[in-house]
């Protein structure tokens, strides 16, 4: 026989009034609070994020500064041809910066490689191998690889290998060509040492910096990918409004319990809010959404540890694990009373809502999760036809 507890339907409905004005006032107050909030301190991740985003412009700027330093060194060493050459290099990098600002990265990429290659040859010709200016060839290897991997895709990435081969070939030519040949300018030992240290520092800094950039960007991409995967998983298994499980995420939970060899008891409660359409019509859909979220919070608080599904619209399905019919009906009846007596606050309005619940205990004869849910749904529908705001269940132990 069916047993159900019944309460009179109690839904307080008022016409929509001043809703938009209050909504706008609330949004303005929230905006003012946001302006008052202090911005968080700058972190290392923020710095690296900015550098990765503006990597090419930063590289061009650093290269221009490097050549400004070389202008000073060669000016003090009285090597005027290289002073003029480095002035030309600075102009090249200013032009490259302009290209970067307009999004023309590929021409700037080749300009850097070409400029450094020519500089290494010309500077070695004027001051010799002992000054170590050929080390700049090695400083652009990380640049060739790092930016090349972003600019090229697929088979075109073999261009990176080709450029590395040309870079190493240039080094071999320089080293074999100028090993025995005396330089045009005999640089003082002090400035020679400065040039060696300066060139070596450029090479080491470039290697360390672009490795750090690569590590950060790789980890950041992995983190973003993991976040997107979690979001996609959430979208696939969760309801966007309430963050409850949807059918795709909920049904496997019941199926796993049904396949459990321990024969653990569980019950399924099918819940439907009473006269929900009237709430939407009277207060608007925003109010309806607030009611759904309020009911969701109430279910979570009253039934901790239970799996909850937004089945559709204003329907909820609750899985009560390790729970027989006797304990389940006590919990669900308490939930019904709590929802009935706790209205949703919406811009000064108190919206009362009631819920009709059908309860079914799992039996061995059920083969699929949908069969248990369908039986609970039938009980809920029976309650809708007999007054609403009730819990309906079948107790086989009573006559």
Protein backbone atom coordinates (compact mmCIF):
# COMPACT_ATOMS: atom_id res chain seq x y z
CA UNK A 1 0.00 0.00 0.00
CA UNK A 2 1.09 3.64 -0.54
CA UNK A 3 1.81 5.78 2.49
CA UNK A 4 2.26 9.51 2.19
CA UNK A 5 2.51 12.53 4.44
CA UNK A 6 0.70 15.62 3.23
CA UNK A 7 0.94 19.35 3.90
CA UNK A 8 -1.05 22.16 2.34
CA UNK A 9 0.73 23.84 -0.53
CA UNK A 10 2.20 27.13 0.67
CA UNK A 11 3.65 29.33 -2.01
CA UNK A 12 3.78 33.06 -1.38
CA UNK A 13 3.65 34.84 -4.73
CA UNK A 14 3.93 38.58 -5.23
CA UNK A 15 4.05 40.59 -8.44
CA UNK A 16 7.41 41.66 -9.74
CA UNK A 17 8.13 45.18 -8.49
CA UNK A 18 11.22 47.36 -8.61
CA UNK A 19 13.27 44.25 -9.44
CA UNK A 20 15.42 45.82 -12.12
CA UNK A 21 16.07 48.97 -10.07
CA UNK A 22 17.22 46.92 -7.08
CA UNK A 23 19.29 44.68 -9.33
CA UNK A 24 21.07 47.72 -10.80
CA UNK A 25 21.65 49.19 -7.33
CA UNK A 26 23.17 45.90 -6.17
CA UNK A 27 25.46 45.76 -9.21
CA UNK A 28 26.64 49.36 -8.60
CA UNK A 29 27.40 48.59 -4.96
CA UNK A 30 29.32 45.48 -5.97
CA UNK A 31 31.34 47.48 -8.51
CA UNK A 32 32.29 50.03 -5.84
CA UNK A 33 33.47 47.24 -3.54
CA UNK A 34 35.59 45.80 -6.33
CA UNK A 35 37.24 49.20 -6.86
CA UNK A 36 38.12 49.41 -3.17
CA UNK A 37 39.83 46.01 -3.22
CA UNK A 38 43.59 46.23 -3.48
CA UNK A 39 45.24 44.52 -6.42
CA UNK A 40 47.31 41.44 -5.47
CA UNK A 41 51.12 41.73 -5.34
CA UNK A 42 53.11 40.90 -8.46
CA UNK A 43 54.39 37.31 -8.47
CA UNK A 44 57.16 35.53 -10.37
CA UNK A 45 54.47 33.76 -12.40
CA UNK A 46 53.01 37.14 -13.41
CA UNK A 47 56.44 38.34 -14.57
CA UNK A 48 57.09 35.19 -16.59
CA UNK A 49 53.57 35.33 -17.98
CA UNK A 50 54.18 38.87 -19.20
CA UNK A 51 57.56 37.93 -20.68
CA UNK A 52 56.12 34.91 -22.50
CA UNK A 53 53.31 37.04 -23.90
CA UNK A 54 55.75 39.74 -25.06
CA UNK A 55 58.77 37.48 -25.62
CA UNK A 56 59.78 38.73 -29.04
CA UNK A 57 59.49 42.42 -28.22
CA UNK A 58 61.50 41.79 -25.04
CA UNK A 59 64.17 39.92 -27.02
CA UNK A 60 64.48 42.74 -29.55
CA UNK A 61 64.78 45.28 -26.74
CA UNK A 62 67.49 43.28 -24.97
CA UNK A 63 69.43 42.83 -28.22
CA UNK A 64 69.33 46.59 -28.81
CA UNK A 65 70.68 47.18 -25.27
CA UNK A 66 73.46 44.63 -25.88
CA UNK A 67 74.59 46.53 -28.96
CA UNK A 68 74.42 49.84 -27.10
CA UNK A 69 76.85 48.28 -24.61
CA UNK A 70 79.08 47.17 -27.47
CA UNK A 71 79.05 50.71 -28.88
CA UNK A 72 80.47 51.96 -25.58
CA UNK A 73 83.13 49.20 -25.41
CA UNK A 74 84.32 49.65 -28.99
CA UNK A 75 84.27 53.42 -28.61
CA UNK A 76 86.58 53.13 -25.60
CA UNK A 77 88.72 50.57 -27.46
CA UNK A 78 88.87 52.98 -30.42
CA UNK A 79 87.49 50.44 -32.93
CA UNK A 80 85.37 52.91 -34.89
CA UNK A 81 84.19 50.56 -37.69
CA UNK A 82 82.50 48.35 -35.08
CA UNK A 83 81.05 51.42 -33.37
CA UNK A 84 79.37 52.31 -36.65
CA UNK A 85 78.30 48.69 -37.23
CA UNK A 86 76.68 48.46 -33.78
CA UNK A 87 74.89 51.76 -34.35
CA UNK A 88 73.44 50.18 -37.49
CA UNK A 89 72.50 47.09 -35.42
CA UNK A 90 70.58 49.24 -32.94
CA UNK A 91 68.63 50.76 -35.86
CA UNK A 92 67.89 47.23 -37.12
CA UNK A 93 66.46 46.25 -33.73
CA UNK A 94 64.36 49.40 -33.52
CA UNK A 95 62.93 48.42 -36.90
CA UNK A 96 62.38 44.86 -35.58
CA UNK A 97 60.50 46.26 -32.59
CA UNK A 98 58.19 48.16 -34.94
CA UNK A 99 57.62 44.94 -36.87
CA UNK A 100 56.74 43.15 -33.61
CA UNK A 101 54.22 45.83 -32.65
CA UNK A 102 52.46 45.29 -35.98
CA UNK A 103 52.54 41.51 -35.60
CA UNK A 104 55.20 40.79 -38.25
CA UNK A 105 57.23 38.34 -36.17
CA UNK A 106 58.76 36.23 -38.93
CA UNK A 107 60.70 39.10 -40.62
CA UNK A 108 61.96 40.22 -37.21
CA UNK A 109 62.98 36.63 -36.40
CA UNK A 110 65.15 36.37 -39.55
CA UNK A 111 66.52 39.90 -38.99
CA UNK A 112 67.86 38.89 -35.55
CA UNK A 113 69.51 35.74 -36.89
CA UNK A 114 71.02 37.57 -39.86
CA UNK A 115 72.25 40.53 -37.81
CA UNK A 116 73.98 38.37 -35.18
CA UNK A 117 75.57 36.18 -37.85
CA UNK A 118 76.94 39.17 -39.78
CA UNK A 119 78.09 40.87 -36.56
CA UNK A 120 80.00 37.74 -35.48
CA UNK A 121 81.84 37.62 -38.81
CA UNK A 122 82.58 41.36 -39.04
CA UNK A 123 83.63 41.76 -35.40
CA UNK A 124 85.97 38.75 -35.60
CA UNK A 125 87.46 40.21 -38.77
CA UNK A 126 88.26 43.50 -37.01
CA UNK A 127 89.31 42.37 -33.50
CA UNK A 128 90.18 38.67 -33.93
CA UNK A 129 89.16 35.43 -32.28
CA UNK A 130 90.69 36.26 -28.92
CA UNK A 131 87.99 38.84 -28.20
CA UNK A 132 85.34 36.07 -28.31
CA UNK A 133 82.74 38.05 -30.24
CA UNK A 134 81.90 34.89 -32.20
CA UNK A 135 80.18 33.66 -29.00
CA UNK A 136 77.14 35.66 -30.10
CA UNK A 137 76.54 32.89 -32.63
CA UNK A 138 75.85 30.55 -29.72
CA UNK A 139 73.70 33.13 -27.92
CA UNK A 140 71.08 32.99 -30.71
CA UNK A 141 70.76 29.17 -30.66
CA UNK A 142 68.08 29.28 -27.89
CA UNK A 143 66.36 32.11 -29.80
CA UNK A 144 66.34 30.06 -33.02
CA UNK A 145 64.82 27.07 -31.20
CA UNK A 146 62.40 28.84 -28.85
CA UNK A 147 60.79 31.18 -31.37
CA UNK A 148 61.17 28.74 -34.24
CA UNK A 149 59.01 26.19 -32.43
CA UNK A 150 56.28 28.83 -32.12
CA UNK A 151 56.59 30.16 -35.66
CA UNK A 152 56.88 26.85 -37.49
CA UNK A 153 54.55 23.86 -37.38
CA UNK A 154 54.63 20.37 -38.82
CA UNK A 155 57.31 19.61 -41.38
CA UNK A 156 58.31 23.26 -41.64
CA UNK A 157 60.02 22.87 -38.23
CA UNK A 158 62.90 21.24 -40.11
CA UNK A 159 63.79 24.84 -40.99
CA UNK A 160 64.96 25.18 -37.39
CA UNK A 161 67.42 22.32 -37.86
CA UNK A 162 68.63 23.90 -41.10
CA UNK A 163 69.27 27.23 -39.37
CA UNK A 164 71.18 25.50 -36.55
CA UNK A 165 73.35 23.73 -39.14
CA UNK A 166 74.04 27.05 -40.88
CA UNK A 167 74.84 28.64 -37.52
CA UNK A 168 77.40 25.94 -36.68
CA UNK A 169 78.82 26.09 -40.21
CA UNK A 170 79.33 29.84 -39.79
CA UNK A 171 81.24 29.21 -36.56
CA UNK A 172 83.52 26.66 -38.28
CA UNK A 173 84.21 29.10 -41.13
CA UNK A 174 85.01 31.94 -38.72
CA UNK A 175 87.26 29.79 -36.56
CA UNK A 176 89.21 28.27 -39.45
CA UNK A 177 89.41 31.53 -41.41
CA UNK A 178 90.70 33.77 -38.60
CA UNK A 179 92.78 31.35 -36.52
CA UNK A 180 96.10 32.37 -38.08
CA UNK A 181 95.13 35.72 -39.53
CA UNK A 182 95.96 38.77 -37.41
CA UNK A 183 93.08 41.18 -36.62
CA UNK A 184 92.75 44.63 -38.19
CA UNK A 185 92.75 46.27 -34.74
CA UNK A 186 94.95 45.26 -31.84
CA UNK A 187 92.63 45.66 -28.85
CA UNK A 188 94.07 46.43 -25.42
CA UNK A 189 94.11 43.44 -23.04
CA UNK A 190 91.59 45.10 -20.71
CA UNK A 191 89.02 45.66 -23.45
CA UNK A 192 89.71 42.20 -24.84
CA UNK A 193 88.86 40.72 -21.43
CA UNK A 194 85.72 42.88 -21.24
CA UNK A 195 84.62 41.70 -24.68
CA UNK A 196 85.21 38.02 -23.81
CA UNK A 197 83.23 38.33 -20.56
CA UNK A 198 80.50 40.39 -22.25
CA UNK A 199 80.10 37.91 -25.12
CA UNK A 200 80.19 34.89 -22.81
CA UNK A 201 77.60 36.49 -20.52
CA UNK A 202 75.29 37.11 -23.50
CA UNK A 203 75.62 33.44 -24.49
CA UNK A 204 75.01 32.09 -20.95
CA UNK A 205 72.18 34.52 -20.20
CA UNK A 206 70.42 33.65 -23.46
CA UNK A 207 70.67 29.92 -22.73
CA UNK A 208 69.39 30.27 -19.15
CA UNK A 209 66.66 32.77 -19.94
CA UNK A 210 65.07 30.95 -22.87
CA UNK A 211 65.29 27.63 -21.08
CA UNK A 212 63.42 29.21 -18.16
CA UNK A 213 60.89 30.68 -20.59
CA UNK A 214 60.41 27.29 -22.25
CA UNK A 215 59.96 25.52 -18.90
CA UNK A 216 57.44 28.11 -17.69
CA UNK A 217 55.44 28.21 -20.93
CA UNK A 218 55.37 24.39 -21.12
CA UNK A 219 54.20 24.05 -17.51
CA UNK A 220 51.70 26.86 -18.01
CA UNK A 221 50.27 25.22 -21.14
CA UNK A 222 50.03 21.92 -19.26
CA UNK A 223 48.23 23.61 -16.36
CA UNK A 224 45.81 25.35 -18.72
CA UNK A 225 45.19 22.06 -20.54
CA UNK A 226 44.46 20.29 -17.24
CA UNK A 227 42.09 23.08 -16.22
CA UNK A 228 40.28 22.85 -19.55
CA UNK A 229 40.03 19.08 -19.18
CA UNK A 230 38.55 19.51 -15.70
CA UNK A 231 36.15 22.11 -17.04
CA UNK A 232 35.12 19.86 -19.91
CA UNK A 233 34.67 16.99 -17.48
CA UNK A 234 32.58 19.23 -15.24
CA UNK A 235 30.49 20.39 -18.20
CA UNK A 236 29.98 16.77 -19.21
CA UNK A 237 29.01 15.57 -15.73
CA UNK A 238 27.72 18.65 -13.86
CA UNK A 239 24.81 21.04 -14.13
CA UNK A 240 26.01 24.58 -14.90
CA UNK A 241 23.53 26.42 -12.66
CA UNK A 242 23.66 24.31 -9.48
CA UNK A 243 26.99 22.46 -9.91
CA UNK A 244 25.09 19.26 -9.17
CA UNK A 245 25.65 16.10 -11.16
CA UNK A 246 23.70 15.74 -14.37
CA UNK A 247 22.33 12.43 -15.66
CA UNK A 248 25.62 11.50 -17.33
CA UNK A 249 27.49 11.88 -14.09
CA UNK A 250 24.79 10.46 -11.83
CA UNK A 251 23.66 7.23 -13.48
CA UNK A 252 27.09 5.51 -13.28
CA UNK A 253 27.04 6.00 -9.48
CA UNK A 254 23.83 3.98 -9.18
CA UNK A 255 25.09 1.40 -11.63
CA UNK A 256 28.27 0.87 -9.60
CA UNK A 257 26.18 0.30 -6.45
CA UNK A 258 23.97 -2.16 -8.31
CA UNK A 259 27.06 -4.07 -9.43
CA UNK A 260 28.49 -4.16 -5.90
CA UNK A 261 28.79 -7.71 -4.57
CA UNK A 262 28.30 -6.51 -0.99
CA UNK A 263 24.59 -5.99 -1.68
CA UNK A 264 24.66 -2.61 0.05
CA UNK A 265 21.25 -1.01 0.54
CA UNK A 266 20.42 2.32 -1.04
CA UNK A 267 17.37 4.38 -1.87
CA UNK A 268 16.54 6.86 -4.61
CA UNK A 269 14.41 9.95 -4.01
CA UNK A 270 12.83 11.71 -6.99
CA UNK A 271 11.98 15.33 -6.09
CA UNK A 272 10.00 17.94 -7.98
CA UNK A 273 9.35 21.53 -6.88
CA UNK A 274 5.65 22.36 -6.73
CA UNK A 275 4.17 25.10 -8.95
CA UNK A 276 7.61 26.18 -10.10
CA UNK A 277 6.26 27.72 -13.32
CA UNK A 278 4.24 30.20 -11.27
CA UNK A 279 7.43 31.40 -9.59
CA UNK A 280 9.08 32.04 -12.95
CA UNK A 281 5.97 33.79 -14.27
CA UNK A 282 5.54 36.01 -11.20
CA UNK A 283 9.14 36.83 -10.27
CA UNK A 284 11.09 36.11 -13.43
CA UNK A 285 13.57 33.42 -14.39
CA UNK A 286 16.34 34.98 -12.28
CA UNK A 287 14.20 34.37 -9.22
CA UNK A 288 13.56 30.82 -10.40
CA UNK A 289 17.30 30.24 -10.68
CA UNK A 290 17.81 31.56 -7.14
CA UNK A 291 15.14 29.17 -5.85
CA UNK A 292 16.86 26.23 -7.55
CA UNK A 293 20.22 27.21 -6.04
CA UNK A 294 18.65 27.70 -2.61
CA UNK A 295 16.97 24.30 -2.75
CA UNK A 296 20.29 22.77 -3.87
CA UNK A 297 22.04 24.26 -0.85
CA UNK A 298 19.28 22.98 1.44
CA UNK A 299 19.54 19.44 0.07
CA UNK A 300 23.30 19.44 0.51
CA UNK A 301 23.02 20.66 4.10
CA UNK A 302 20.23 18.26 5.06
CA UNK A 303 21.68 15.21 3.29
CA UNK A 304 25.48 15.44 3.55
CA UNK A 305 27.33 12.66 1.79
CA UNK A 306 24.46 11.95 -0.60
CA UNK A 307 24.88 12.20 -4.36
CA UNK A 308 22.48 14.71 -5.89
CA UNK A 309 21.47 15.10 -9.50
CA UNK A 310 19.59 17.86 -11.24
CA UNK A 311 17.51 15.59 -13.42
CA UNK A 312 16.03 18.42 -15.45
CA UNK A 313 14.22 21.70 -14.89
CA UNK A 314 12.99 21.71 -11.28
CA UNK A 315 13.53 17.96 -10.78
CA UNK A 316 16.17 16.51 -8.47
CA UNK A 317 17.20 12.91 -7.87
CA UNK A 318 18.98 11.97 -4.63
CA UNK A 319 20.99 8.81 -4.03
CA UNK A 320 20.95 7.78 -0.37
CA UNK A 321 23.73 5.22 0.03
CA UNK A 322 23.89 2.67 2.85
CA UNK A 323 20.33 3.55 3.72
CA UNK A 324 17.24 1.36 4.01
CA UNK A 325 13.69 2.62 3.43
CA UNK A 326 13.04 3.34 7.10
CA UNK A 327 16.01 5.66 7.57
CA UNK A 328 15.68 7.13 4.08
CA UNK A 329 12.09 8.24 4.55
CA UNK A 330 12.95 9.93 7.85
CA UNK A 331 15.78 11.89 6.19
CA UNK A 332 13.77 12.83 3.12
CA UNK A 333 10.72 13.85 5.15
CA UNK A 334 12.94 16.13 7.22
CA UNK A 335 14.25 17.60 3.96
CA UNK A 336 10.70 18.23 2.73
CA UNK A 337 9.79 20.10 5.90
CA UNK A 338 13.00 22.15 5.79
CA UNK A 339 12.39 23.26 2.20
CA UNK A 340 8.80 24.13 3.08
CA UNK A 341 9.76 26.31 6.04
CA UNK A 342 12.85 28.05 4.56
CA UNK A 343 11.96 30.54 1.83
CA UNK A 344 14.34 31.91 -0.79
CA UNK A 345 15.29 35.57 -0.31
CA UNK A 346 15.27 37.47 -3.57
CA UNK A 347 15.65 41.26 -3.50
CA UNK A 348 13.61 41.62 -0.33
CA UNK A 349 11.01 39.06 -1.34
CA UNK A 350 10.48 35.82 0.52
CA UNK A 351 9.62 33.10 -1.97
CA UNK A 352 8.15 30.01 -0.34
CA UNK A 353 8.28 26.74 -2.22
CA UNK A 354 7.29 23.17 -1.50
CA UNK A 355 8.50 19.88 -2.91
CA UNK A 356 6.90 16.54 -3.75
CA UNK A 357 9.11 13.48 -3.32
CA UNK A 358 8.86 9.89 -4.47
CA UNK A 359 11.05 7.37 -2.64
CA UNK A 360 12.11 3.91 -3.79
CA UNK A 361 14.42 1.37 -2.20
CA UNK A 362 16.66 -0.67 -4.49
CA UNK A 363 15.61 -4.30 -4.95
CA UNK A 364 17.49 -7.15 -6.57
CA UNK A 365 14.98 -7.27 -9.43
CA UNK A 366 16.15 -3.96 -10.87
CA UNK A 367 18.56 -4.42 -13.78
CA UNK A 368 19.23 -0.78 -14.73
CA UNK A 369 19.52 2.49 -12.76
CA UNK A 370 16.72 4.03 -14.82
CA UNK A 371 14.28 1.42 -13.49
CA UNK A 372 14.82 2.49 -9.87
CA UNK A 373 14.55 6.15 -10.82
CA UNK A 374 11.41 5.53 -12.86
CA UNK A 375 9.71 3.86 -9.89
CA UNK A 376 10.61 6.81 -7.65
CA UNK A 377 9.32 9.14 -10.37
CA UNK A 378 6.00 7.30 -10.46
CA UNK A 379 5.65 7.75 -6.71
CA UNK A 380 6.41 11.46 -7.07
CA UNK A 381 3.78 11.77 -9.83
CA UNK A 382 1.28 10.04 -7.57
CA UNK A 383 2.01 12.65 -4.93
CA UNK A 384 1.46 15.46 -7.44
CA UNK A 385 -2.02 14.08 -8.10
CA UNK A 386 -2.83 13.85 -4.39
CA UNK A 387 -2.16 17.30 -3.00
CA UNK A 388 1.57 17.96 -3.61
CA UNK A 389 4.10 18.82 -0.85
CA UNK A 390 4.21 15.17 0.21
CA UNK A 391 6.55 12.23 0.47
CA UNK A 392 5.29 9.07 -1.20
CA UNK A 393 6.78 5.64 -0.61
CA UNK A 394 5.66 2.01 -0.47
CA UNK A 395 6.16 0.14 2.75
CA UNK A 396 5.83 -3.60 2.20
CA UNK A 397 5.76 -4.23 5.96
CA UNK A 398 2.47 -2.39 6.46
CA UNK A 399 -0.99 -3.43 5.38
